[in-house]
Amino acid sequence: MLSLSGGYQRYYSSGARPVGVPFLGQSLGFLWQFKRRWALLPELGSARTTTPNFMTDETRLFHAGIALVHTR
């Protein structure tokens, strides 16, 4: 399954100003049903934000994850 994602995160750190990170990207996942009520959902995603970092004016974000899904 392919999905679009977007959001806003705000990071806080001791001794530093808060940083706001708006982002827009996509995720790609696959639902693998291995039992009647259990499934695995591996997912990869990437996003872009206009928030600068210490090397560039634009930042790319990446995530990978896996979820164990139980249904009734």
PDB file of N, CA and C in Angstrom:
ATOM      1  N   MET A   1       0.833  -1.160   0.000  1.00  0.00           N
ATOM      2  CA  MET A   1       0.000   0.000   0.000  1.00  0.00           C
ATOM      3  C   MET A   1       0.886   1.233   0.000  1.00  0.00           C
ATOM      4  N   LEU A   2       0.475   2.227  -0.699  1.00  0.00           N
ATOM      5  CA  LEU A   2       1.199   3.490  -0.834  1.00  0.00           C
ATOM      6  C   LEU A   2       0.350   4.585  -0.209  1.00  0.00           C
ATOM      7  N   SER A   3       0.965   5.428   0.602  1.00  0.00           N
ATOM      8  CA  SER A   3       0.200   6.516   1.211  1.00  0.00           C
ATOM      9  C   SER A   3       1.033   7.788   1.262  1.00  0.00           C
ATOM     10  N   LEU A   4       0.357   8.904   1.191  1.00  0.00           N
ATOM     11  CA  LEU A   4       0.990  10.200   1.361  1.00  0.00           C
ATOM     12  C   LEU A   4       0.946  10.551   2.836  1.00  0.00           C
ATOM     13  N   SER A   5       1.992  11.216   3.296  1.00  0.00           N
ATOM     14  CA  SER A   5       2.015  11.618   4.700  1.00  0.00           C
ATOM     15  C   SER A   5       2.498  13.056   4.804  1.00  0.00           C
ATOM     16  N   GLY A   6       2.001  13.718   5.783  1.00  0.00           N
ATOM     17  CA  GLY A   6       2.413  15.081   6.046  1.00  0.00           C
ATOM     18  C   GLY A   6       2.155  15.398   7.497  1.00  0.00           C
ATOM     19  N   GLY A   7       2.853  16.377   8.005  1.00  0.00           N
ATOM     20  CA  GLY A   7       2.642  16.718   9.399  1.00  0.00           C
ATOM     21  C   GLY A   7       3.574  17.811   9.862  1.00  0.00           C
ATOM     22  N   TYR A   8       3.559  18.010  11.152  1.00  0.00           N
ATOM     23  CA  TYR A   8       4.390  19.021  11.794  1.00  0.00           C
ATOM     24  C   TYR A   8       4.872  18.448  13.117  1.00  0.00           C
ATOM     25  N   GLN A   9       6.173  18.487  13.340  1.00  0.00           N
ATOM     26  CA  GLN A   9       6.746  18.035  14.605  1.00  0.00           C
ATOM     27  C   GLN A   9       7.518  19.199  15.222  1.00  0.00           C
ATOM     28  N   ARG A  10       7.535  19.260  16.531  1.00  0.00           N
ATOM     29  CA  ARG A  10       8.269  20.307  17.236  1.00  0.00           C
ATOM     30  C   ARG A  10       9.201  19.618  18.214  1.00  0.00           C
ATOM     31  N   TYR A  11      10.493  19.915  18.086  1.00  0.00           N
ATOM     32  CA  TYR A  11      11.520  19.287  18.914  1.00  0.00           C
ATOM     33  C   TYR A  11      12.009  20.259  19.975  1.00  0.00           C
ATOM     34  N   TYR A  12      12.160  19.749  21.191  1.00  0.00           N
ATOM     35  CA  TYR A  12      12.645  20.544  22.319  1.00  0.00           C
ATOM     36  C   TYR A  12      13.915  19.898  22.856  1.00  0.00           C
ATOM     37  N   SER A  13      14.879  20.742  23.240  1.00  0.00           N
ATOM     38  CA  SER A  13      16.129  20.246  23.792  1.00  0.00           C
ATOM     39  C   SER A  13      16.599  21.210  24.873  1.00  0.00           C
ATOM     40  N   SER A  14      17.179  20.698  25.900  1.00  0.00           N
ATOM     41  CA  SER A  14      17.666  21.523  26.998  1.00  0.00           C
ATOM     42  C   SER A  14      18.756  22.472  26.499  1.00  0.00           C
ATOM     43  N   GLY A  15      18.587  23.760  26.757  1.00  0.00           N
ATOM     44  CA  GLY A  15      19.587  24.745  26.372  1.00  0.00           C
ATOM     45  C   GLY A  15      19.500  25.211  24.937  1.00  0.00           C
ATOM     46  N   ALA A  16      18.503  24.790  24.201  1.00  0.00           N
ATOM     47  CA  ALA A  16      18.362  25.177  22.786  1.00  0.00           C
ATOM     48  C   ALA A  16      16.943  25.660  22.529  1.00  0.00           C
ATOM     49  N   ARG A  17      16.780  26.420  21.481  1.00  0.00           N
ATOM     50  CA  ARG A  17      15.447  26.862  21.084  1.00  0.00           C
ATOM     51  C   ARG A  17      14.679  25.698  20.453  1.00  0.00           C
ATOM     52  N   PRO A  18      13.354  25.693  20.589  1.00  0.00           N
ATOM     53  CA  PRO A  18      12.554  24.655  19.918  1.00  0.00           C
ATOM     54  C   PRO A  18      12.688  24.766  18.393  1.00  0.00           C
ATOM     55  N   VAL A  19      12.605  23.634  17.726  1.00  0.00           N
ATOM     56  CA  VAL A  19      12.706  23.588  16.270  1.00  0.00           C
ATOM     57  C   VAL A  19      11.409  22.996  15.716  1.00  0.00           C
ATOM     58  N   GLY A  20      10.759  23.715  14.793  1.00  0.00           N
ATOM     59  CA  GLY A  20       9.562  23.217  14.125  1.00  0.00           C
ATOM     60  C   GLY A  20       9.928  22.586  12.798  1.00  0.00           C
ATOM     61  N   VAL A  21       9.365  21.402  12.526  1.00  0.00           N
ATOM     62  CA  VAL A  21       9.684  20.665  11.299  1.00  0.00           C
ATOM     63  C   VAL A  21       8.392  20.265  10.589  1.00  0.00           C
ATOM     64  N   PRO A  22       7.924  21.091   9.624  1.00  0.00           N
ATOM     65  CA  PRO A  22       6.815  20.647   8.781  1.00  0.00           C
ATOM     66  C   PRO A  22       7.365  19.697   7.716  1.00  0.00           C
ATOM     67  N   PHE A  23       6.612  18.669   7.351  1.00  0.00           N
ATOM     68  CA  PHE A  23       7.123  17.722   6.350  1.00  0.00           C
ATOM     69  C   PHE A  23       6.002  17.191   5.477  1.00  0.00           C
ATOM     70  N   LEU A  24       6.398  16.726   4.288  1.00  0.00           N
ATOM     71  CA  LEU A  24       5.493  16.107   3.328  1.00  0.00           C
ATOM     72  C   LEU A  24       6.252  14.984   2.642  1.00  0.00           C
ATOM     73  N   GLY A  25       5.644  13.803   2.543  1.00  0.00           N
ATOM     74  CA  GLY A  25       6.335  12.670   1.944  1.00  0.00           C
ATOM     75  C   GLY A  25       5.390  11.532   1.617  1.00  0.00           C
ATOM     76  N   GLN A  26       5.966  10.337   1.542  1.00  0.00           N
ATOM     77  CA  GLN A  26       5.192   9.146   1.191  1.00  0.00           C
ATOM     78  C   GLN A  26       5.723   7.944   1.957  1.00  0.00           C
ATOM     79  N   SER A  27       4.857   6.935   2.076  1.00  0.00           N
ATOM     80  CA  SER A  27       5.218   5.676   2.717  1.00  0.00           C
ATOM     81  C   SER A  27       4.771   4.523   1.829  1.00  0.00           C
ATOM     82  N   LEU A  28       5.527   3.451   1.878  1.00  0.00           N
ATOM     83  CA  LEU A  28       5.212   2.235   1.135  1.00  0.00           C
ATOM     84  C   LEU A  28       5.250   1.081   2.126  1.00  0.00           C
ATOM     85  N   GLY A  29       4.153   0.342   2.214  1.00  0.00           N
ATOM     86  CA  GLY A  29       4.075  -0.767   3.150  1.00  0.00           C
ATOM     87  C   GLY A  29       3.401  -1.976   2.512  1.00  0.00           C
ATOM     88  N   PHE A  30       3.537  -3.101   3.187  1.00  0.00           N
ATOM     89  CA  PHE A  30       2.959  -4.355   2.718  1.00  0.00           C
ATOM     90  C   PHE A  30       2.344  -5.069   3.916  1.00  0.00           C
ATOM     91  N   LEU A  31       1.074  -5.429   3.833  1.00  0.00           N
ATOM     92  CA  LEU A  31       0.405  -6.157   4.905  1.00  0.00           C
ATOM     93  C   LEU A  31       0.499  -7.644   4.624  1.00  0.00           C
ATOM     94  N   TRP A  32       1.196  -8.369   5.491  1.00  0.00           N
ATOM     95  CA  TRP A  32       1.375  -9.808   5.342  1.00  0.00           C
ATOM     96  C   TRP A  32       0.548 -10.518   6.413  1.00  0.00           C
ATOM     97  N   GLN A  33      -0.581 -11.098   5.999  1.00  0.00           N
ATOM     98  CA  GLN A  33      -1.486 -11.818   6.901  1.00  0.00           C
ATOM     99  C   GLN A  33      -0.945 -13.229   7.081  1.00  0.00           C
ATOM    100  N   PHE A  34      -0.421 -13.551   8.279  1.00  0.00           N
ATOM    101  CA  PHE A  34       0.152 -14.877   8.470  1.00  0.00           C
ATOM    102  C   PHE A  34      -0.716 -15.782   9.344  1.00  0.00           C
ATOM    103  N   LYS A  35      -1.693 -15.246  10.031  1.00  0.00           N
ATOM    104  CA  LYS A  35      -2.698 -16.014  10.767  1.00  0.00           C
ATOM    105  C   LYS A  35      -4.044 -15.316  10.552  1.00  0.00           C
ATOM    106  N   ARG A  36      -5.115 -15.950  10.993  1.00  0.00           N
ATOM    107  CA  ARG A  36      -6.446 -15.348  10.793  1.00  0.00           C
ATOM    108  C   ARG A  36      -6.560 -13.976  11.451  1.00  0.00           C
ATOM    109  N   ARG A  37      -5.973 -13.804  12.624  1.00  0.00           N
ATOM    110  CA  ARG A  37      -6.089 -12.551  13.371  1.00  0.00           C
ATOM    111  C   ARG A  37      -4.781 -11.781  13.502  1.00  0.00           C
ATOM    112  N   TRP A  38      -3.713 -12.256  12.899  1.00  0.00           N
ATOM    113  CA  TRP A  38      -2.405 -11.608  13.039  1.00  0.00           C
ATOM    114  C   TRP A  38      -1.806 -11.277  11.674  1.00  0.00           C
ATOM    115  N   ALA A  39      -1.162 -10.123  11.606  1.00  0.00           N
ATOM    116  CA  ALA A  39      -0.497  -9.699  10.374  1.00  0.00           C
ATOM    117  C   ALA A  39       0.729  -8.869  10.727  1.00  0.00           C
ATOM    118  N   LEU A  40       1.671  -8.820   9.801  1.00  0.00           N
ATOM    119  CA  LEU A  40       2.849  -7.947   9.917  1.00  0.00           C
ATOM    120  C   LEU A  40       2.744  -6.848   8.870  1.00  0.00           C
ATOM    121  N   LEU A  41       3.180  -5.659   9.228  1.00  0.00           N
ATOM    122  CA  LEU A  41       3.150  -4.526   8.311  1.00  0.00           C
ATOM    123  C   LEU A  41       4.527  -3.860   8.290  1.00  0.00           C
ATOM    124  N   PRO A  42       5.428  -4.299   7.388  1.00  0.00           N
ATOM    125  CA  PRO A  42       6.684  -3.574   7.216  1.00  0.00           C
ATOM    126  C   PRO A  42       6.431  -2.316   6.377  1.00  0.00           C
ATOM    127  N   GLU A  43       7.183  -1.250   6.675  1.00  0.00           N
ATOM    128  CA  GLU A  43       6.942   0.022   6.008  1.00  0.00           C
ATOM    129  C   GLU A  43       8.244   0.806   5.849  1.00  0.00           C
ATOM    130  N   LEU A  44       8.382   1.469   4.706  1.00  0.00           N
ATOM    131  CA  LEU A  44       9.482   2.398   4.432  1.00  0.00           C
ATOM    132  C   LEU A  44       8.877   3.728   4.028  1.00  0.00           C
ATOM    133  N   GLY A  45       9.516   4.806   4.435  1.00  0.00           N
ATOM    134  CA  GLY A  45       8.979   6.108   4.076  1.00  0.00           C
ATOM    135  C   GLY A  45      10.068   7.156   3.968  1.00  0.00           C
ATOM    136  N   SER A  46       9.766   8.196   3.230  1.00  0.00           N
ATOM    137  CA  SER A  46      10.685   9.330   3.119  1.00  0.00           C
ATOM    138  C   SER A  46       9.857  10.606   3.030  1.00  0.00           C
ATOM    139  N   ALA A  47      10.468  11.701   3.427  1.00  0.00           N
ATOM    140  CA  ALA A  47       9.776  12.989   3.400  1.00  0.00           C
ATOM    141  C   ALA A  47      10.800  14.093   3.219  1.00  0.00           C
ATOM    142  N   ARG A  48      10.317  15.263   2.854  1.00  0.00           N
ATOM    143  CA  ARG A  48      11.158  16.451   2.712  1.00  0.00           C
ATOM    144  C   ARG A  48      10.596  17.545   3.596  1.00  0.00           C
ATOM    145  N   THR A  49      11.487  18.388   4.084  1.00  0.00           N
ATOM    146  CA  THR A  49      11.091  19.528   4.878  1.00  0.00           C
ATOM    147  C   THR A  49      11.933  20.730   4.478  1.00  0.00           C
ATOM    148  N   THR A  50      11.397  21.904   4.666  1.00  0.00           N
ATOM    149  CA  THR A  50      12.134  23.128   4.355  1.00  0.00           C
ATOM    150  C   THR A  50      12.975  23.600   5.538  1.00  0.00           C
ATOM    151  N   THR A  51      12.939  22.866   6.646  1.00  0.00           N
ATOM    152  CA  THR A  51      13.739  23.218   7.817  1.00  0.00           C
ATOM    153  C   THR A  51      15.214  22.961   7.518  1.00  0.00           C
ATOM    154  N   PRO A  52      16.066  23.977   7.653  1.00  0.00           N
ATOM    155  CA  PRO A  52      17.489  23.775   7.372  1.00  0.00           C
ATOM    156  C   PRO A  52      18.181  22.978   8.475  1.00  0.00           C
ATOM    157  N   ASN A  53      19.265  22.316   8.125  1.00  0.00           N
ATOM    158  CA  ASN A  53      20.120  21.680   9.123  1.00  0.00           C
ATOM    159  C   ASN A  53      21.503  22.331   9.040  1.00  0.00           C
ATOM    160  N   PHE A  54      22.482  21.806   9.734  1.00  0.00           N
ATOM    161  CA  PHE A  54      23.785  22.469   9.772  1.00  0.00           C
ATOM    162  C   PHE A  54      24.572  22.358   8.466  1.00  0.00           C
ATOM    163  N   MET A  55      24.144  21.498   7.513  1.00  0.00           N
ATOM    164  CA  MET A  55      24.878  21.343   6.257  1.00  0.00           C
ATOM    165  C   MET A  55      24.131  21.873   5.045  1.00  0.00           C
ATOM    166  N   THR A  56      22.805  21.818   5.042  1.00  0.00           N
ATOM    167  CA  THR A  56      22.023  22.213   3.867  1.00  0.00           C
ATOM    168  C   THR A  56      20.803  23.043   4.267  1.00  0.00           C
ATOM    169  N   ASP A  57      20.189  23.672   3.282  1.00  0.00           N
ATOM    170  CA  ASP A  57      18.982  24.467   3.525  1.00  0.00           C
ATOM    171  C   ASP A  57      17.713  23.631   3.515  1.00  0.00           C
ATOM    172  N   GLU A  58      17.812  22.387   3.113  1.00  0.00           N
ATOM    173  CA  GLU A  58      16.653  21.497   3.031  1.00  0.00           C
ATOM    174  C   GLU A  58      17.028  20.155   3.645  1.00  0.00           C
ATOM    175  N   THR A  59      16.086  19.540   4.330  1.00  0.00           N
ATOM    176  CA  THR A  59      16.363  18.282   5.023  1.00  0.00           C
ATOM    177  C   THR A  59      15.483  17.179   4.465  1.00  0.00           C
ATOM    178  N   ARG A  60      16.040  15.991   4.297  1.00  0.00           N
ATOM    179  CA  ARG A  60      15.276  14.809   3.898  1.00  0.00           C
ATOM    180  C   ARG A  60      15.171  13.888   5.104  1.00  0.00           C
ATOM    181  N   LEU A  61      13.990  13.350   5.296  1.00  0.00           N
ATOM    182  CA  LEU A  61      13.727  12.454   6.419  1.00  0.00           C
ATOM    183  C   LEU A  61      13.481  11.050   5.888  1.00  0.00           C
ATOM    184  N   PHE A  62      13.822  10.026   6.670  1.00  0.00           N
ATOM    185  CA  PHE A  62      13.643   8.634   6.277  1.00  0.00           C
ATOM    186  C   PHE A  62      13.200   7.844   7.497  1.00  0.00           C
ATOM    187  N   HIS A  63      12.297   6.907   7.298  1.00  0.00           N
ATOM    188  CA  HIS A  63      11.932   6.010   8.390  1.00  0.00           C
ATOM    189  C   HIS A  63      11.688   4.601   7.861  1.00  0.00           C
ATOM    190  N   ALA A  64      11.929   3.640   8.727  1.00  0.00           N
ATOM    191  CA  ALA A  64      11.637   2.235   8.450  1.00  0.00           C
ATOM    192  C   ALA A  64      11.012   1.663   9.710  1.00  0.00           C
ATOM    193  N   GLY A  65      10.020   0.821   9.545  1.00  0.00           N
ATOM    194  CA  GLY A  65       9.366   0.249  10.712  1.00  0.00           C
ATOM    195  C   GLY A  65       8.620  -1.015  10.376  1.00  0.00           C
ATOM    196  N   ILE A  66       8.209  -1.691  11.426  1.00  0.00           N
ATOM    197  CA  ILE A  66       7.411  -2.896  11.270  1.00  0.00           C
ATOM    198  C   ILE A  66       6.378  -2.907  12.397  1.00  0.00           C
ATOM    199  N   ALA A  67       5.158  -3.230  12.059  1.00  0.00           N
ATOM    200  CA  ALA A  67       4.073  -3.289  13.043  1.00  0.00           C
ATOM    201  C   ALA A  67       3.498  -4.695  13.074  1.00  0.00           C
ATOM    202  N   LEU A  68       3.157  -5.127  14.258  1.00  0.00           N
ATOM    203  CA  LEU A  68       2.438  -6.386  14.448  1.00  0.00           C
ATOM    204  C   LEU A  68       0.978  -6.014  14.667  1.00  0.00           C
ATOM    205  N   VAL A  69       0.087  -6.492  13.814  1.00  0.00           N
ATOM    206  CA  VAL A  69      -1.320  -6.091  13.817  1.00  0.00           C
ATOM    207  C   VAL A  69      -2.183  -7.253  14.295  1.00  0.00           C
ATOM    208  N   HIS A  70      -3.058  -6.977  15.276  1.00  0.00           N
ATOM    209  CA  HIS A  70      -4.005  -7.977  15.767  1.00  0.00           C
ATOM    210  C   HIS A  70      -5.418  -7.467  15.506  1.00  0.00           C
ATOM    211  N   THR A  71      -6.261  -8.310  14.935  1.00  0.00           N
ATOM    212  CA  THR A  71      -7.658  -7.939  14.680  1.00  0.00           C
ATOM    213  C   THR A  71      -8.574  -8.823  15.497  1.00  0.00           C
ATOM    214  N   ARG A  72      -9.796  -8.384  15.677  1.00  0.00           N
ATOM    215  CA  ARG A  72     -10.780  -9.161  16.435  1.00  0.00           C
ATOM    216  C   ARG A  72     -11.555 -10.080  15.544  1.00  0.00           C
TER     217      ARG A  72
END
